Amino acid sequence: MIKKTAKTEQMLEILRQNFTDEDYKEYILGNLKMKDVYKKYEVNQNAMDYFFAEKGYIKRSTLRKENIKIDIFNPVNTPEAAYILGFYVADGCLNGNKFVITLNEKDKEILEKIRDYMSPITKLIYKKETINKQGIVSHPMYSFAFSCKEIVNNLEELGLGKNKTYLSKSIKNVVPKELMWDFIRGYWDGDGCISSSNVTKNVKETSYNYINIGFTIISKDPNILNEMNEFFIEEGINTHVYPDNKGNYLVGTHSKPEVEKIYNKLYTSSNLFMERKRTKFNEIMATSR
């Protein structure tokens, strides 16, 4: 800190009279910016540094770093870490030293759960709806992003770093078998689909009506889907990997008994999942019985 001057002491007195513990709480939550405090009370960073030292306050940047689970993926040894890794591989990215997941505002709840486990005092950033020059609408989004070199470096070492969409990815030696369902649930919440449709099948002169159920996970990388497929088969579930017509690959099944097996495994004793997708899965399984 710069040497305390008479002017600094005057600013300190202003802060003592006006900056409350409630203001500090709002600052820690990210709702109060220091630049707004500087402007409102006509104080500077030096005065604020003295004030924080006097009150025993910890800076938000320091507190945030202390609360980040920097070893979350080193190794992957909890259900939460496996789920978040799956979600990140499906729908997250790295931007410099930042770990980033951005979702539609309707899925804010799962982003909050991931945030609360990884970096609890990081504030979610709201991005309003936009329309580009081509008329394409981008719906309102929430972004969870924080800087952590340790996590970024760890993901790079695992082959799950920048531009991971186009990498050949393997999680065989990353995620233990006992946590694979958590990883798959995270990946499915990020890039999976459960669907049902009424189908009429004509056999000779007889028509049969039935409900077709499909469980699929999509990726541009067939390797990671092949590893999931091997795991499904080991679990006694018949799935297969196949390409679509857009350069992607899918793993899944349209067999109702096999989908039911996946459903039972996917949500057994789970504590982290996207509520919207679980509700839809529940509804489809209930109506198909």
Protein backbone atom coordinates (compact mmCIF):
# COMPACT_ATOMS: atom_id res chain seq x y z
CA MET A 1 0.00 0.00 0.00
CA ILE A 2 1.06 3.58 -0.69
CA LYS A 3 1.99 5.65 2.35
CA LYS A 4 -1.04 6.97 4.20
CA THR A 5 -1.49 10.71 3.64
CA ALA A 6 -3.89 13.23 5.17
CA LYS A 7 -6.05 12.88 2.06
CA THR A 8 -6.08 9.09 2.46
CA GLU A 9 -7.12 9.49 6.09
CA GLN A 10 -10.03 11.70 5.02
CA MET A 11 -11.16 9.02 2.55
CA LEU A 12 -10.82 6.39 5.24
CA GLU A 13 -13.16 8.33 7.48
CA ILE A 14 -15.73 8.52 4.69
CA LEU A 15 -15.53 4.74 4.27
CA ARG A 16 -15.81 4.13 8.02
CA GLN A 17 -19.02 6.12 8.10
CA ASN A 18 -20.62 4.75 4.93
CA PHE A 19 -19.26 1.34 3.85
CA THR A 20 -21.13 -1.32 5.86
CA ASP A 21 -20.79 -5.06 6.41
CA GLU A 22 -23.81 -5.44 4.13
CA ASP A 23 -21.95 -3.53 1.39
CA TYR A 24 -19.02 -5.91 1.86
CA LYS A 25 -21.37 -8.89 1.48
CA GLU A 26 -22.72 -7.46 -1.77
CA TYR A 27 -19.14 -6.88 -2.94
CA ILE A 28 -18.20 -10.50 -2.20
CA LEU A 29 -21.28 -11.71 -4.10
CA GLY A 30 -20.23 -9.60 -7.08
CA ASN A 31 -23.27 -7.29 -6.87
CA LEU A 32 -21.24 -4.23 -5.82
CA LYS A 33 -18.30 -3.06 -7.93
CA MET A 34 -15.37 -1.23 -6.39
CA LYS A 35 -15.38 1.33 -9.21
CA ASP A 36 -18.89 2.32 -8.11
CA VAL A 37 -17.71 2.74 -4.51
CA TYR A 38 -14.76 4.89 -5.66
CA LYS A 39 -17.11 7.10 -7.66
CA LYS A 40 -19.87 7.34 -5.05
CA TYR A 41 -17.65 8.28 -2.11
CA GLU A 42 -14.80 9.90 -4.04
CA VAL A 43 -12.21 7.51 -2.62
CA ASN A 44 -9.38 5.59 -4.29
CA GLN A 45 -7.94 2.07 -4.21
CA ASN A 46 -5.25 3.01 -1.68
CA ALA A 47 -7.87 4.19 0.81
CA MET A 48 -9.91 1.06 0.17
CA ASP A 49 -6.85 -1.14 0.78
CA TYR A 50 -6.25 0.55 4.15
CA PHE A 51 -9.95 0.23 4.99
CA PHE A 52 -10.04 -3.48 4.14
CA ALA A 53 -6.92 -4.09 6.25
CA GLU A 54 -8.46 -2.16 9.13
CA LYS A 55 -11.72 -4.13 8.97
CA GLY A 56 -10.08 -7.50 8.27
CA TYR A 57 -11.91 -7.83 4.95
CA ILE A 58 -10.56 -10.18 2.28
CA LYS A 59 -10.55 -9.07 -1.35
CA ARG A 60 -12.98 -10.86 -3.61
CA SER A 61 -10.22 -12.01 -5.97
CA THR A 62 -8.36 -13.62 -3.07
CA LEU A 63 -11.48 -15.20 -1.61
CA ARG A 64 -12.55 -16.53 -5.00
CA LYS A 65 -9.18 -18.20 -5.57
CA GLU A 66 -9.28 -19.76 -2.10
CA ASN A 67 -12.72 -21.22 -2.84
CA ILE A 68 -11.98 -22.67 -6.28
CA LYS A 69 -11.58 -26.45 -6.32
CA ILE A 70 -8.35 -26.30 -8.30
CA ASP A 71 -7.82 -30.08 -8.09
CA ILE A 72 -11.39 -31.01 -9.10
CA PHE A 73 -10.18 -33.10 -12.06
CA ASN A 74 -6.83 -34.13 -10.60
CA PRO A 75 -7.90 -36.83 -10.14
CA VAL A 76 -11.60 -37.28 -10.91
CA ASN A 77 -12.65 -39.03 -7.71
CA THR A 78 -16.10 -37.69 -6.77
CA PRO A 79 -19.53 -38.02 -8.44
CA GLU A 80 -19.70 -34.23 -8.73
CA ALA A 81 -16.33 -33.99 -10.50
CA ALA A 82 -17.27 -36.77 -12.94
CA TYR A 83 -20.62 -35.11 -13.72
CA ILE A 84 -19.07 -31.66 -14.23
CA LEU A 85 -16.32 -33.11 -16.43
CA GLY A 86 -18.96 -34.80 -18.58
CA PHE A 87 -20.95 -31.58 -18.84
CA TYR A 88 -17.82 -29.58 -19.70
CA VAL A 89 -16.68 -32.04 -22.40
CA ALA A 90 -20.15 -31.85 -23.96
CA ASP A 91 -20.97 -28.18 -23.58
CA GLY A 92 -18.10 -26.19 -22.06
CA CYS A 93 -14.91 -24.58 -23.33
CA LEU A 94 -11.64 -22.96 -22.29
CA ASN A 95 -11.00 -19.32 -23.11
CA GLY A 96 -7.41 -18.47 -22.27
CA ASN A 97 -7.11 -19.37 -18.60
CA LYS A 98 -10.88 -19.36 -18.12
CA PHE A 99 -13.16 -22.36 -17.61
CA VAL A 100 -16.50 -21.51 -19.26
CA ILE A 101 -19.97 -23.05 -19.51
CA THR A 102 -22.78 -21.00 -21.09
CA LEU A 103 -26.39 -22.20 -21.13
CA ASN A 104 -29.86 -21.03 -22.05
CA GLU A 105 -31.44 -19.09 -19.17
CA LYS A 106 -33.99 -21.89 -18.64
CA ASP A 107 -31.14 -24.11 -17.41
CA LYS A 108 -29.72 -21.61 -14.93
CA GLU A 109 -30.38 -24.02 -12.05
CA ILE A 110 -27.79 -26.59 -13.17
CA LEU A 111 -25.26 -23.83 -13.83
CA GLU A 112 -25.75 -22.62 -10.26
CA LYS A 113 -25.18 -26.16 -8.94
CA ILE A 114 -21.97 -26.51 -10.95
CA ARG A 115 -20.85 -23.06 -9.81
CA ASP A 116 -21.60 -23.82 -6.17
CA TYR A 117 -19.36 -26.90 -6.31
CA MET A 118 -16.47 -25.49 -8.36
CA SER A 119 -16.22 -21.80 -7.50
CA PRO A 120 -19.02 -20.75 -5.15
CA ILE A 121 -18.50 -16.98 -5.19
CA THR A 122 -18.25 -16.63 -8.97
CA LYS A 123 -21.20 -14.64 -10.28
CA LEU A 124 -23.16 -15.94 -13.25
CA ILE A 125 -23.22 -13.45 -16.12
CA TYR A 126 -26.52 -12.79 -17.87
CA LYS A 127 -26.50 -12.28 -21.63
CA LYS A 128 -29.69 -10.86 -23.11
CA GLU A 129 -31.30 -12.01 -26.34
CA THR A 130 -29.56 -10.79 -29.50
CA ILE A 131 -30.35 -10.88 -33.23
CA ASN A 132 -27.48 -10.86 -35.71
CA LYS A 133 -27.43 -9.36 -39.23
CA GLN A 134 -28.74 -12.63 -40.69
CA GLY A 135 -31.75 -12.48 -38.39
CA ILE A 136 -30.61 -15.42 -36.25
CA VAL A 137 -31.86 -15.08 -32.69
CA SER A 138 -29.60 -15.90 -29.76
CA HIS A 139 -31.78 -16.59 -26.73
CA PRO A 140 -30.99 -15.14 -23.28
CA MET A 141 -28.10 -17.03 -21.70
CA TYR A 142 -26.22 -17.38 -18.43
CA SER A 143 -22.47 -17.86 -18.42
CA PHE A 144 -20.35 -19.39 -15.67
CA ALA A 145 -16.72 -18.38 -16.21
CA PHE A 146 -13.71 -18.05 -13.94
CA SER A 147 -9.93 -18.00 -14.31
CA CYS A 148 -7.88 -20.90 -12.98
CA LYS A 149 -4.58 -21.92 -14.59
CA GLU A 150 -4.46 -25.15 -12.60
CA ILE A 151 -7.80 -26.44 -13.94
CA VAL A 152 -7.04 -25.31 -17.49
CA ASN A 153 -3.59 -26.94 -17.45
CA ASN A 154 -5.04 -30.15 -15.99
CA LEU A 155 -7.68 -30.37 -18.74
CA GLU A 156 -5.00 -29.75 -21.38
CA GLU A 157 -2.90 -32.58 -19.93
CA LEU A 158 -5.93 -34.88 -20.09
CA GLY A 159 -6.40 -34.10 -23.78
CA LEU A 160 -9.64 -32.26 -23.01
CA GLY A 161 -8.39 -28.70 -23.46
CA LYS A 162 -8.84 -25.99 -26.07
CA ASN A 163 -10.61 -26.96 -29.32
CA LYS A 164 -11.66 -30.22 -27.62
CA THR A 165 -14.64 -30.53 -29.99
CA TYR A 166 -12.29 -31.66 -32.74
CA LEU A 167 -9.92 -33.69 -30.57
CA SER A 168 -9.98 -37.46 -30.31
CA LYS A 169 -10.92 -37.75 -26.65
CA SER A 170 -10.48 -40.62 -24.23
CA ILE A 171 -11.81 -40.85 -20.68
CA LYS A 172 -10.85 -44.47 -19.99
CA ASN A 173 -7.94 -43.51 -17.75
CA VAL A 174 -9.58 -40.32 -16.50
CA VAL A 175 -12.95 -41.39 -15.09
CA PRO A 176 -13.11 -44.50 -12.86
CA LYS A 177 -15.77 -47.06 -13.79
CA GLU A 178 -17.63 -46.47 -10.56
CA LEU A 179 -18.14 -42.83 -11.62
CA MET A 180 -18.95 -43.43 -15.29
CA TRP A 181 -22.70 -43.04 -14.81
CA ASP A 182 -22.08 -39.61 -13.30
CA PHE A 183 -19.86 -38.66 -16.25
CA ILE A 184 -22.44 -39.94 -18.75
CA ARG A 185 -25.26 -38.09 -16.97
CA GLY A 186 -23.24 -34.87 -17.21
CA TYR A 187 -22.43 -35.46 -20.88
CA TRP A 188 -26.05 -36.34 -21.63
CA ASP A 189 -27.31 -33.22 -19.85
CA GLY A 190 -24.97 -31.21 -22.07
CA ASP A 191 -25.38 -32.99 -25.42
CA GLY A 192 -27.99 -35.71 -25.14
CA CYS A 193 -31.62 -36.24 -26.01
CA ILE A 194 -34.57 -38.35 -24.88
CA SER A 195 -37.46 -38.53 -27.32
CA SER A 196 -40.69 -40.38 -27.96
CA SER A 197 -43.05 -40.62 -30.92
CA ASN A 198 -46.16 -42.54 -31.85
CA VAL A 199 -45.44 -45.02 -34.64
CA THR A 200 -47.79 -47.04 -36.80
CA LYS A 201 -46.37 -50.17 -38.35
CA ASN A 202 -48.23 -52.08 -41.04
CA VAL A 203 -47.66 -55.83 -41.22
CA LYS A 204 -49.61 -57.35 -44.07
CA GLU A 205 -53.12 -56.08 -43.45
CA THR A 206 -52.70 -55.33 -39.75
CA SER A 207 -51.61 -52.00 -38.24
CA TYR A 208 -49.70 -51.85 -34.98
CA ASN A 209 -49.39 -48.69 -32.94
CA TYR A 210 -46.56 -48.26 -30.46
CA ILE A 211 -44.43 -45.60 -28.79
CA ASN A 212 -40.88 -45.32 -30.08
CA ILE A 213 -38.43 -44.10 -27.43
CA GLY A 214 -34.93 -42.91 -28.23
CA PHE A 215 -31.96 -42.16 -25.97
CA THR A 216 -28.99 -40.57 -27.75
CA ILE A 217 -25.77 -38.69 -27.03
CA ILE A 218 -24.10 -36.72 -29.84
CA SER A 219 -20.47 -35.79 -30.54
CA LYS A 220 -18.17 -34.99 -33.44
CA ASP A 221 -15.68 -37.43 -31.90
CA PRO A 222 -16.62 -41.12 -32.27
CA ASN A 223 -13.84 -42.25 -29.91
CA ILE A 224 -15.44 -40.95 -26.72
CA LEU A 225 -18.82 -42.36 -27.82
CA ASN A 226 -17.23 -45.75 -28.51
CA GLU A 227 -15.86 -45.75 -24.96
CA MET A 228 -19.35 -44.96 -23.61
CA ASN A 229 -20.77 -47.70 -25.81
CA GLU A 230 -18.29 -50.23 -24.40
CA PHE A 231 -19.33 -49.19 -20.90
CA PHE A 232 -23.04 -49.56 -21.72
CA ILE A 233 -22.44 -53.06 -23.08
CA GLU A 234 -20.43 -54.00 -19.97
CA GLU A 235 -23.44 -52.85 -17.95
CA GLY A 236 -25.68 -55.19 -19.93
CA ILE A 237 -27.24 -52.47 -22.08
CA ASN A 238 -27.37 -52.87 -25.86
CA THR A 239 -26.46 -49.59 -27.56
CA HIS A 240 -24.58 -48.74 -30.73
CA VAL A 241 -22.62 -45.86 -32.31
CA TYR A 242 -23.67 -44.51 -35.69
CA PRO A 243 -23.11 -41.39 -37.85
CA ASP A 244 -25.74 -38.80 -38.75
CA ASN A 245 -25.88 -36.80 -41.98
CA LYS A 246 -24.22 -33.70 -40.50
CA GLY A 247 -20.76 -35.06 -39.72
CA ASN A 248 -21.62 -36.03 -36.15
CA TYR A 249 -21.82 -39.37 -34.34
CA LEU A 250 -24.38 -40.67 -31.88
CA VAL A 251 -24.46 -43.38 -29.27
CA GLY A 252 -27.75 -44.70 -28.02
CA THR A 253 -30.72 -46.98 -28.48
CA HIS A 254 -34.35 -46.94 -29.57
CA SER A 255 -35.22 -50.06 -27.60
CA LYS A 256 -37.64 -49.28 -24.78
CA PRO A 257 -36.26 -51.99 -22.45
CA GLU A 258 -32.69 -50.72 -23.01
CA VAL A 259 -33.73 -47.08 -22.46
CA GLU A 260 -35.40 -48.12 -19.21
CA LYS A 261 -32.15 -49.74 -18.05
CA ILE A 262 -30.28 -46.50 -18.80
CA TYR A 263 -32.94 -44.49 -16.96
CA ASN A 264 -32.65 -46.65 -13.85
CA LYS A 265 -28.85 -46.43 -13.84
CA LEU A 266 -28.60 -42.76 -14.75
CA TYR A 267 -30.57 -41.45 -11.78
CA THR A 268 -29.80 -44.03 -9.09
CA SER A 269 -28.40 -42.17 -6.06
CA SER A 270 -27.46 -39.20 -8.25
CA ASN A 271 -27.17 -35.77 -6.68
CA LEU A 272 -26.34 -33.61 -9.66
CA PHE A 273 -28.51 -33.43 -12.78
CA MET A 274 -30.42 -31.02 -15.01
CA GLU A 275 -33.95 -30.82 -13.64
CA ARG A 276 -35.56 -30.11 -17.02
CA LYS A 277 -34.11 -33.23 -18.63
CA ARG A 278 -34.88 -35.49 -15.69
CA THR A 279 -38.49 -34.28 -15.69
CA LYS A 280 -38.80 -35.00 -19.42
CA PHE A 281 -37.21 -38.44 -18.97
CA ASN A 282 -39.63 -39.19 -16.12
CA GLU A 283 -42.63 -38.17 -18.22
CA ILE A 284 -41.60 -40.23 -21.24
CA MET A 285 -40.92 -43.33 -19.16
CA ALA A 286 -44.27 -42.94 -17.34
CA THR A 287 -46.31 -42.61 -20.52
CA SER A 288 -44.54 -45.50 -22.26
CA ARG A 289 -45.34 -48.10 -19.62
